[in-house]
Amino acid sequence: MTELKKVEAFTDGACRGNPGPGGWGVLLRYDGRAKELSGGEAMTTNNRMEMTAAIRALEALKRPCRVHVYTDSNYLKNGITSWMPTWRKRGWRTADGKPVKNQDLWLELEALTKRHDVSWHWVRGHAGHVENERADALANIGLERALGVGAARGG
């Protein structure tokens, strides 16, 4: 059996207004190499952008990997590691009976995590964590693109 490649994925989302235009950013690291991804949507929420960043990170991997995902979103980390089984048991309802928000993205994320060996790590946002700061900058590039600003800069 081949050992899985070890990948680090630093993810972040950004939103101007909530809801409002938003962006997501990913910094992937593997074997001394780095790849940056970003994108955005004209109308979204911050939580959706946080989740989309993680989804895009996992989608970018061409084969199963051992992935360490770093996020400054407790919503994302706790949702995927703790809350989903309870939501599923309740028919995708919260404790107060309301539909779980972003069920479409939770299901997409769950499917992608089955392909990889994923560990989830929380980091404090805007606290000088170099890779998280870069993911934040990429998310803001995606947000600018969603607004039609700086589209020529790439990302």
N, C-alpha and C. Protein backbone atom coordinates (compact mmCIF):
# COMPACT_ATOMS: atom_id res chain seq x y z
N MET A 1 0.85 -1.19 0.00
CA MET A 1 0.00 0.00 0.00
C MET A 1 0.89 1.24 0.00
N THR A 2 0.58 2.17 -0.86
CA THR A 2 1.33 3.40 -0.99
C THR A 2 0.98 4.36 0.15
N GLU A 3 2.00 4.99 0.72
CA GLU A 3 1.75 5.98 1.77
C GLU A 3 1.12 7.22 1.15
N LEU A 4 0.14 7.76 1.87
CA LEU A 4 -0.54 8.96 1.38
C LEU A 4 0.38 10.17 1.44
N LYS A 5 0.28 11.02 0.42
CA LYS A 5 1.01 12.29 0.43
C LYS A 5 0.46 13.16 1.54
N LYS A 6 1.36 13.89 2.19
CA LYS A 6 0.96 14.79 3.27
C LYS A 6 0.84 16.21 2.71
N VAL A 7 -0.35 16.78 2.88
CA VAL A 7 -0.66 18.11 2.35
C VAL A 7 -1.16 18.98 3.50
N GLU A 8 -0.74 20.24 3.49
CA GLU A 8 -1.30 21.23 4.40
C GLU A 8 -2.19 22.16 3.58
N ALA A 9 -3.37 22.44 4.09
CA ALA A 9 -4.31 23.34 3.42
C ALA A 9 -4.71 24.43 4.41
N PHE A 10 -4.37 25.65 4.10
CA PHE A 10 -4.73 26.80 4.91
C PHE A 10 -5.88 27.50 4.19
N THR A 11 -7.01 27.62 4.86
CA THR A 11 -8.22 28.10 4.20
C THR A 11 -8.81 29.29 4.93
N ASP A 12 -9.48 30.17 4.18
CA ASP A 12 -10.16 31.29 4.81
C ASP A 12 -11.25 31.81 3.90
N GLY A 13 -12.22 32.46 4.50
CA GLY A 13 -13.30 33.10 3.77
C GLY A 13 -13.40 34.56 4.19
N ALA A 14 -14.00 35.36 3.34
CA ALA A 14 -14.20 36.78 3.63
C ALA A 14 -15.54 37.20 3.06
N CYS A 15 -16.16 38.16 3.70
CA CYS A 15 -17.45 38.64 3.22
C CYS A 15 -17.57 40.12 3.56
N ARG A 16 -18.06 40.90 2.63
CA ARG A 16 -18.31 42.31 2.86
C ARG A 16 -19.81 42.45 3.04
N GLY A 17 -20.21 42.59 4.29
CA GLY A 17 -21.62 42.46 4.62
C GLY A 17 -21.87 40.97 4.84
N ASN A 18 -22.89 40.63 5.55
CA ASN A 18 -23.15 39.20 5.80
C ASN A 18 -24.66 38.99 5.88
N PRO A 19 -25.35 38.76 4.76
CA PRO A 19 -24.77 38.39 3.46
C PRO A 19 -24.27 39.60 2.68
N GLY A 20 -23.49 39.26 1.65
CA GLY A 20 -22.92 40.25 0.76
C GLY A 20 -21.94 39.58 -0.17
N PRO A 21 -21.17 40.35 -0.91
CA PRO A 21 -20.15 39.75 -1.76
C PRO A 21 -19.09 39.08 -0.88
N GLY A 22 -18.59 37.95 -1.35
CA GLY A 22 -17.62 37.22 -0.55
C GLY A 22 -16.54 36.57 -1.38
N GLY A 23 -15.51 36.12 -0.68
CA GLY A 23 -14.40 35.44 -1.33
C GLY A 23 -13.86 34.34 -0.45
N TRP A 24 -13.14 33.43 -1.09
CA TRP A 24 -12.49 32.34 -0.37
C TRP A 24 -11.05 32.23 -0.87
N GLY A 25 -10.17 31.75 0.02
CA GLY A 25 -8.77 31.60 -0.35
C GLY A 25 -8.18 30.34 0.24
N VAL A 26 -7.23 29.76 -0.50
CA VAL A 26 -6.58 28.52 -0.09
C VAL A 26 -5.10 28.62 -0.39
N LEU A 27 -4.30 28.22 0.58
CA LEU A 27 -2.87 28.01 0.37
C LEU A 27 -2.62 26.53 0.62
N LEU A 28 -2.20 25.81 -0.43
CA LEU A 28 -1.89 24.38 -0.32
C LEU A 28 -0.37 24.22 -0.29
N ARG A 29 0.11 23.35 0.59
CA ARG A 29 1.54 23.05 0.65
C ARG A 29 1.76 21.55 0.60
N TYR A 30 2.71 21.15 -0.25
CA TYR A 30 3.08 19.75 -0.37
C TYR A 30 4.54 19.66 -0.81
N ASP A 31 5.32 18.94 -0.05
CA ASP A 31 6.69 18.63 -0.44
C ASP A 31 7.48 19.89 -0.85
N GLY A 32 7.36 20.94 -0.05
CA GLY A 32 8.11 22.17 -0.31
C GLY A 32 7.53 23.07 -1.40
N ARG A 33 6.43 22.66 -1.99
CA ARG A 33 5.77 23.46 -3.03
C ARG A 33 4.49 24.07 -2.48
N ALA A 34 4.07 25.17 -3.09
CA ALA A 34 2.84 25.82 -2.66
C ALA A 34 1.98 26.13 -3.88
N LYS A 35 0.66 26.09 -3.66
CA LYS A 35 -0.30 26.45 -4.69
C LYS A 35 -1.35 27.33 -4.02
N GLU A 36 -1.73 28.41 -4.70
CA GLU A 36 -2.73 29.32 -4.17
C GLU A 36 -3.97 29.30 -5.04
N LEU A 37 -5.13 29.32 -4.38
CA LEU A 37 -6.42 29.32 -5.06
C LEU A 37 -7.30 30.39 -4.43
N SER A 38 -8.14 31.00 -5.24
CA SER A 38 -9.11 31.95 -4.69
C SER A 38 -10.29 32.08 -5.64
N GLY A 39 -11.38 32.55 -5.09
CA GLY A 39 -12.58 32.78 -5.88
C GLY A 39 -13.58 33.54 -5.04
N GLY A 40 -14.72 33.84 -5.62
CA GLY A 40 -15.71 34.58 -4.86
C GLY A 40 -17.09 34.47 -5.47
N GLU A 41 -18.04 35.04 -4.76
CA GLU A 41 -19.44 35.06 -5.19
C GLU A 41 -20.01 36.44 -4.90
N ALA A 42 -20.92 36.86 -5.76
CA ALA A 42 -21.50 38.19 -5.63
C ALA A 42 -22.39 38.33 -4.40
N MET A 43 -23.08 37.25 -4.00
CA MET A 43 -23.96 37.31 -2.83
C MET A 43 -23.84 36.00 -2.06
N THR A 44 -23.32 36.08 -0.84
CA THR A 44 -23.06 34.89 -0.05
C THR A 44 -22.96 35.28 1.42
N THR A 45 -22.49 34.34 2.24
CA THR A 45 -22.24 34.63 3.66
C THR A 45 -20.80 34.24 3.99
N ASN A 46 -20.32 34.75 5.10
CA ASN A 46 -18.97 34.41 5.52
C ASN A 46 -18.82 32.91 5.75
N ASN A 47 -19.80 32.29 6.42
CA ASN A 47 -19.70 30.86 6.68
C ASN A 47 -19.64 30.05 5.38
N ARG A 48 -20.41 30.44 4.39
CA ARG A 48 -20.36 29.73 3.11
C ARG A 48 -18.98 29.87 2.46
N MET A 49 -18.37 31.02 2.59
CA MET A 49 -17.03 31.21 2.01
C MET A 49 -15.98 30.40 2.77
N GLU A 50 -16.10 30.32 4.10
CA GLU A 50 -15.19 29.49 4.89
C GLU A 50 -15.29 28.03 4.43
N MET A 51 -16.51 27.56 4.25
CA MET A 51 -16.73 26.18 3.83
C MET A 51 -16.26 25.95 2.40
N THR A 52 -16.53 26.91 1.53
CA THR A 52 -16.13 26.79 0.13
C THR A 52 -14.61 26.70 0.02
N ALA A 53 -13.90 27.44 0.84
CA ALA A 53 -12.43 27.37 0.81
C ALA A 53 -11.97 25.94 1.11
N ALA A 54 -12.53 25.33 2.13
CA ALA A 54 -12.14 23.95 2.46
C ALA A 54 -12.52 22.98 1.34
N ILE A 55 -13.68 23.17 0.76
CA ILE A 55 -14.13 22.32 -0.35
C ILE A 55 -13.17 22.45 -1.52
N ARG A 56 -12.84 23.68 -1.90
CA ARG A 56 -11.93 23.89 -3.04
C ARG A 56 -10.54 23.32 -2.76
N ALA A 57 -10.09 23.39 -1.52
CA ALA A 57 -8.79 22.81 -1.16
C ALA A 57 -8.80 21.31 -1.40
N LEU A 58 -9.83 20.63 -0.92
CA LEU A 58 -9.90 19.17 -1.06
C LEU A 58 -10.15 18.77 -2.51
N GLU A 59 -10.93 19.55 -3.24
CA GLU A 59 -11.18 19.26 -4.66
C GLU A 59 -9.90 19.37 -5.49
N ALA A 60 -8.99 20.22 -5.07
CA ALA A 60 -7.76 20.46 -5.84
C ALA A 60 -6.80 19.28 -5.80
N LEU A 61 -6.99 18.37 -4.85
CA LEU A 61 -6.08 17.23 -4.70
C LEU A 61 -6.46 16.13 -5.69
N LYS A 62 -5.50 15.72 -6.49
CA LYS A 62 -5.78 14.78 -7.58
C LYS A 62 -5.91 13.33 -7.13
N ARG A 63 -5.37 13.00 -5.97
CA ARG A 63 -5.46 11.63 -5.44
C ARG A 63 -5.64 11.70 -3.93
N PRO A 64 -6.04 10.62 -3.32
CA PRO A 64 -6.22 10.64 -1.86
C PRO A 64 -4.92 11.05 -1.15
N CYS A 65 -5.07 11.90 -0.15
CA CYS A 65 -3.93 12.45 0.59
C CYS A 65 -4.24 12.47 2.08
N ARG A 66 -3.20 12.62 2.87
CA ARG A 66 -3.34 12.92 4.29
C ARG A 66 -3.29 14.44 4.37
N VAL A 67 -4.42 15.05 4.71
CA VAL A 67 -4.55 16.50 4.64
C VAL A 67 -4.77 17.09 6.03
N HIS A 68 -3.97 18.10 6.34
CA HIS A 68 -4.17 18.90 7.54
C HIS A 68 -4.78 20.21 7.08
N VAL A 69 -6.07 20.41 7.43
CA VAL A 69 -6.77 21.63 7.06
C VAL A 69 -6.73 22.59 8.25
N TYR A 70 -6.24 23.80 7.99
CA TYR A 70 -6.15 24.84 9.01
C TYR A 70 -7.17 25.92 8.68
N THR A 71 -8.01 26.25 9.65
CA THR A 71 -9.06 27.24 9.46
C THR A 71 -9.18 28.12 10.69
N ASP A 72 -9.59 29.37 10.49
CA ASP A 72 -9.87 30.22 11.65
C ASP A 72 -11.37 30.24 11.94
N SER A 73 -12.11 29.33 11.33
CA SER A 73 -13.56 29.26 11.51
C SER A 73 -13.94 28.11 12.44
N ASN A 74 -14.39 28.45 13.64
CA ASN A 74 -14.90 27.42 14.54
C ASN A 74 -16.15 26.76 13.96
N TYR A 75 -16.94 27.54 13.24
CA TYR A 75 -18.14 27.00 12.58
C TYR A 75 -17.76 25.84 11.66
N LEU A 76 -16.76 26.04 10.83
CA LEU A 76 -16.32 25.00 9.92
C LEU A 76 -15.73 23.82 10.68
N LYS A 77 -14.78 24.07 11.55
CA LYS A 77 -14.12 22.98 12.26
C LYS A 77 -15.10 22.18 13.12
N ASN A 78 -15.90 22.87 13.91
CA ASN A 78 -16.84 22.17 14.79
C ASN A 78 -17.94 21.48 14.00
N GLY A 79 -18.40 22.12 12.92
CA GLY A 79 -19.44 21.51 12.11
C GLY A 79 -19.02 20.17 11.54
N ILE A 80 -17.83 20.13 10.95
CA ILE A 80 -17.38 18.91 10.29
C ILE A 80 -16.89 17.86 11.29
N THR A 81 -16.36 18.28 12.44
CA THR A 81 -15.81 17.31 13.39
C THR A 81 -16.79 16.89 14.48
N SER A 82 -17.80 17.73 14.78
CA SER A 82 -18.67 17.44 15.93
C SER A 82 -20.16 17.47 15.64
N TRP A 83 -20.61 18.47 14.92
CA TRP A 83 -22.05 18.72 14.84
C TRP A 83 -22.78 17.89 13.79
N MET A 84 -22.09 17.49 12.72
CA MET A 84 -22.79 16.82 11.61
C MET A 84 -23.54 15.55 12.00
N PRO A 85 -22.96 14.66 12.82
CA PRO A 85 -23.73 13.45 13.17
C PRO A 85 -25.06 13.77 13.86
N THR A 86 -25.07 14.78 14.71
CA THR A 86 -26.30 15.17 15.40
C THR A 86 -27.29 15.77 14.41
N TRP A 87 -26.80 16.62 13.51
CA TRP A 87 -27.68 17.20 12.49
C TRP A 87 -28.33 16.08 11.66
N ARG A 88 -27.53 15.11 11.28
CA ARG A 88 -28.03 14.01 10.45
C ARG A 88 -29.12 13.25 11.20
N LYS A 89 -28.87 12.95 12.49
CA LYS A 89 -29.86 12.22 13.31
C LYS A 89 -31.17 12.99 13.42
N ARG A 90 -31.07 14.31 13.44
CA ARG A 90 -32.26 15.16 13.56
C ARG A 90 -32.88 15.49 12.21
N GLY A 91 -32.44 14.84 11.15
CA GLY A 91 -32.97 15.14 9.83
C GLY A 91 -32.53 16.50 9.33
N TRP A 92 -31.29 16.86 9.64
CA TRP A 92 -30.70 18.14 9.24
C TRP A 92 -31.46 19.31 9.84
N ARG A 93 -31.76 19.15 11.13
CA ARG A 93 -32.40 20.20 11.92
C ARG A 93 -31.49 20.55 13.09
N THR A 94 -31.55 21.81 13.50
CA THR A 94 -30.80 22.26 14.68
C THR A 94 -31.54 21.83 15.94
N ALA A 95 -30.95 22.10 17.10
CA ALA A 95 -31.58 21.74 18.37
C ALA A 95 -32.94 22.40 18.53
N ASP A 96 -33.12 23.59 17.95
CA ASP A 96 -34.42 24.26 18.06
C ASP A 96 -35.35 23.96 16.89
N GLY A 97 -35.00 22.93 16.10
CA GLY A 97 -35.89 22.47 15.03
C GLY A 97 -35.78 23.19 13.71
N LYS A 98 -34.88 24.16 13.61
CA LYS A 98 -34.73 24.90 12.35
C LYS A 98 -33.82 24.12 11.40
N PRO A 99 -34.01 24.31 10.10
CA PRO A 99 -33.13 23.63 9.15
C PRO A 99 -31.67 24.09 9.33
N VAL A 100 -30.75 23.15 9.22
CA VAL A 100 -29.32 23.48 9.29
C VAL A 100 -28.96 24.33 8.09
N LYS A 101 -28.29 25.44 8.33
CA LYS A 101 -27.85 26.29 7.24
C LYS A 101 -26.69 25.63 6.51
N ASN A 102 -26.65 25.84 5.23
CA ASN A 102 -25.53 25.38 4.37
C ASN A 102 -25.45 23.86 4.25
N GLN A 103 -26.59 23.18 4.34
CA GLN A 103 -26.60 21.73 4.25
C GLN A 103 -25.95 21.26 2.95
N ASP A 104 -26.16 21.99 1.86
CA ASP A 104 -25.57 21.59 0.58
C ASP A 104 -24.04 21.54 0.67
N LEU A 105 -23.46 22.54 1.33
CA LEU A 105 -22.01 22.55 1.45
C LEU A 105 -21.50 21.52 2.46
N TRP A 106 -22.25 21.31 3.54
CA TRP A 106 -21.85 20.28 4.51
C TRP A 106 -21.79 18.91 3.83
N LEU A 107 -22.78 18.61 3.00
CA LEU A 107 -22.81 17.31 2.32
C LEU A 107 -21.66 17.19 1.31
N GLU A 108 -21.38 18.28 0.61
CA GLU A 108 -20.27 18.28 -0.35
C GLU A 108 -18.94 18.09 0.38
N LEU A 109 -18.78 18.79 1.47
CA LEU A 109 -17.55 18.68 2.25
C LEU A 109 -17.39 17.27 2.83
N GLU A 110 -18.47 16.74 3.34
CA GLU A 110 -18.43 15.38 3.89
C GLU A 110 -18.00 14.36 2.82
N ALA A 111 -18.54 14.48 1.63
CA ALA A 111 -18.18 13.55 0.55
C ALA A 111 -16.69 13.66 0.22
N LEU A 112 -16.16 14.87 0.19
CA LEU A 112 -14.74 15.05 -0.11
C LEU A 112 -13.85 14.51 0.99
N THR A 113 -14.29 14.61 2.24
CA THR A 113 -13.45 14.12 3.35
C THR A 113 -13.36 12.59 3.33
N LYS A 114 -14.31 11.94 2.71
CA LYS A 114 -14.26 10.47 2.63
C LYS A 114 -13.16 9.99 1.69
N ARG A 115 -12.73 10.86 0.79
CA ARG A 115 -11.68 10.51 -0.17
C ARG A 115 -10.28 10.64 0.44
N HIS A 116 -10.17 11.46 1.47
CA HIS A 116 -8.87 11.78 2.06
C HIS A 116 -8.86 11.45 3.55
N ASP A 117 -7.66 11.43 4.12
CA ASP A 117 -7.48 11.32 5.56
C ASP A 117 -7.29 12.75 6.06
N VAL A 118 -8.35 13.35 6.59
CA VAL A 118 -8.35 14.77 6.91
C VAL A 118 -8.30 15.00 8.42
N SER A 119 -7.40 15.89 8.83
CA SER A 119 -7.34 16.39 10.20
C SER A 119 -7.67 17.87 10.16
N TRP A 120 -8.49 18.31 11.09
CA TRP A 120 -8.94 19.70 11.12
C TRP A 120 -8.27 20.42 12.27
N HIS A 121 -7.77 21.62 11.99
CA HIS A 121 -7.05 22.41 12.99
C HIS A 121 -7.58 23.84 12.98
N TRP A 122 -7.85 24.37 14.17
CA TRP A 122 -8.28 25.75 14.29
C TRP A 122 -7.07 26.62 14.60
N VAL A 123 -6.98 27.77 13.92
CA VAL A 123 -5.96 28.77 14.22
C VAL A 123 -6.67 30.10 14.45
N ARG A 124 -6.09 30.92 15.31
CA ARG A 124 -6.69 32.22 15.58
C ARG A 124 -6.49 33.13 14.37
N GLY A 125 -7.57 33.69 13.86
CA GLY A 125 -7.50 34.57 12.71
C GLY A 125 -6.95 35.93 13.07
N HIS A 126 -6.31 36.57 12.13
CA HIS A 126 -5.77 37.93 12.29
C HIS A 126 -4.85 38.04 13.50
N ALA A 127 -4.06 36.98 13.72
CA ALA A 127 -3.16 36.95 14.88
C ALA A 127 -1.71 36.73 14.45
N GLY A 128 -1.41 36.99 13.18
CA GLY A 128 -0.04 36.87 12.73
C GLY A 128 0.37 35.48 12.25
N HIS A 129 -0.58 34.54 12.16
CA HIS A 129 -0.28 33.21 11.62
C HIS A 129 -0.03 33.40 10.12
N VAL A 130 1.19 33.23 9.67
CA VAL A 130 1.60 33.61 8.31
C VAL A 130 0.71 32.98 7.24
N GLU A 131 0.49 31.68 7.33
CA GLU A 131 -0.29 31.00 6.29
C GLU A 131 -1.76 31.41 6.35
N ASN A 132 -2.30 31.61 7.56
CA ASN A 132 -3.69 32.06 7.67
C ASN A 132 -3.83 33.47 7.11
N GLU A 133 -2.84 34.31 7.34
CA GLU A 133 -2.88 35.67 6.79
C GLU A 133 -2.86 35.62 5.26
N ARG A 134 -2.07 34.69 4.69
CA ARG A 134 -2.04 34.56 3.23
C ARG A 134 -3.38 34.07 2.71
N ALA A 135 -3.99 33.08 3.38
CA ALA A 135 -5.30 32.59 2.97
C ALA A 135 -6.33 33.71 3.05
N ASP A 136 -6.23 34.55 4.07
CA ASP A 136 -7.12 35.70 4.21
C ASP A 136 -6.93 36.67 3.04
N ALA A 137 -5.67 36.94 2.68
CA ALA A 137 -5.40 37.83 1.55
C ALA A 137 -5.98 37.25 0.26
N LEU A 138 -5.84 35.94 0.07
CA LEU A 138 -6.40 35.29 -1.12
C LEU A 138 -7.93 35.38 -1.12
N ALA A 139 -8.55 35.22 0.05
CA ALA A 139 -10.01 35.35 0.14
C ALA A 139 -10.44 36.76 -0.25
N ASN A 140 -9.66 37.75 0.14
CA ASN A 140 -10.00 39.13 -0.20
C ASN A 140 -9.77 39.41 -1.69
N ILE A 141 -8.80 38.74 -2.29
CA ILE A 141 -8.63 38.83 -3.75
C ILE A 141 -9.87 38.25 -4.43
N GLY A 142 -10.34 37.10 -3.94
CA GLY A 142 -11.56 36.50 -4.49
C GLY A 142 -12.76 37.41 -4.31
N LEU A 143 -12.85 38.08 -3.17
CA LEU A 143 -13.94 39.01 -2.91
C LEU A 143 -13.86 40.18 -3.89
N GLU A 144 -12.68 40.71 -4.10
CA GLU A 144 -12.52 41.82 -5.06
C GLU A 144 -12.94 41.39 -6.46
N ARG A 145 -12.57 40.16 -6.83
CA ARG A 145 -12.98 39.65 -8.14
C ARG A 145 -14.50 39.55 -8.24
N ALA A 146 -15.14 39.12 -7.14
CA ALA A 146 -16.61 39.02 -7.14
C ALA A 146 -17.24 40.40 -7.30
N LEU A 147 -16.55 41.42 -6.82
CA LEU A 147 -17.03 42.79 -6.98
C LEU A 147 -16.66 43.39 -8.32
N GLY A 148 -15.81 42.68 -9.08
CA GLY A 148 -15.35 43.20 -10.36
C GLY A 148 -14.17 44.14 -10.23
N VAL A 149 -13.49 44.08 -9.06
CA VAL A 149 -12.32 44.92 -8.81
C VAL A 149 -11.07 44.05 -8.90
N GLY A 150 -10.06 44.53 -9.58
CA GLY A 150 -8.79 43.81 -9.61
C GLY A 150 -8.83 42.49 -10.33
N ALA A 151 -9.76 42.33 -11.25
CA ALA A 151 -9.90 41.05 -11.95
C ALA A 151 -8.65 40.66 -12.71
N ALA A 152 -7.85 41.62 -13.11
CA ALA A 152 -6.65 41.33 -13.89
C ALA A 152 -5.51 40.79 -13.04
N ARG A 153 -5.66 40.84 -11.70
CA ARG A 153 -4.58 40.40 -10.81
C ARG A 153 -4.43 38.90 -10.73
N GLY A 154 -5.45 38.15 -11.07
CA GLY A 154 -5.37 36.70 -10.98
C GLY A 154 -5.45 36.24 -9.54
N GLY A 155 -5.11 34.94 -9.33
CA GLY A 155 -5.16 34.47 -7.94
C GLY A 155 -5.11 33.06 -7.82
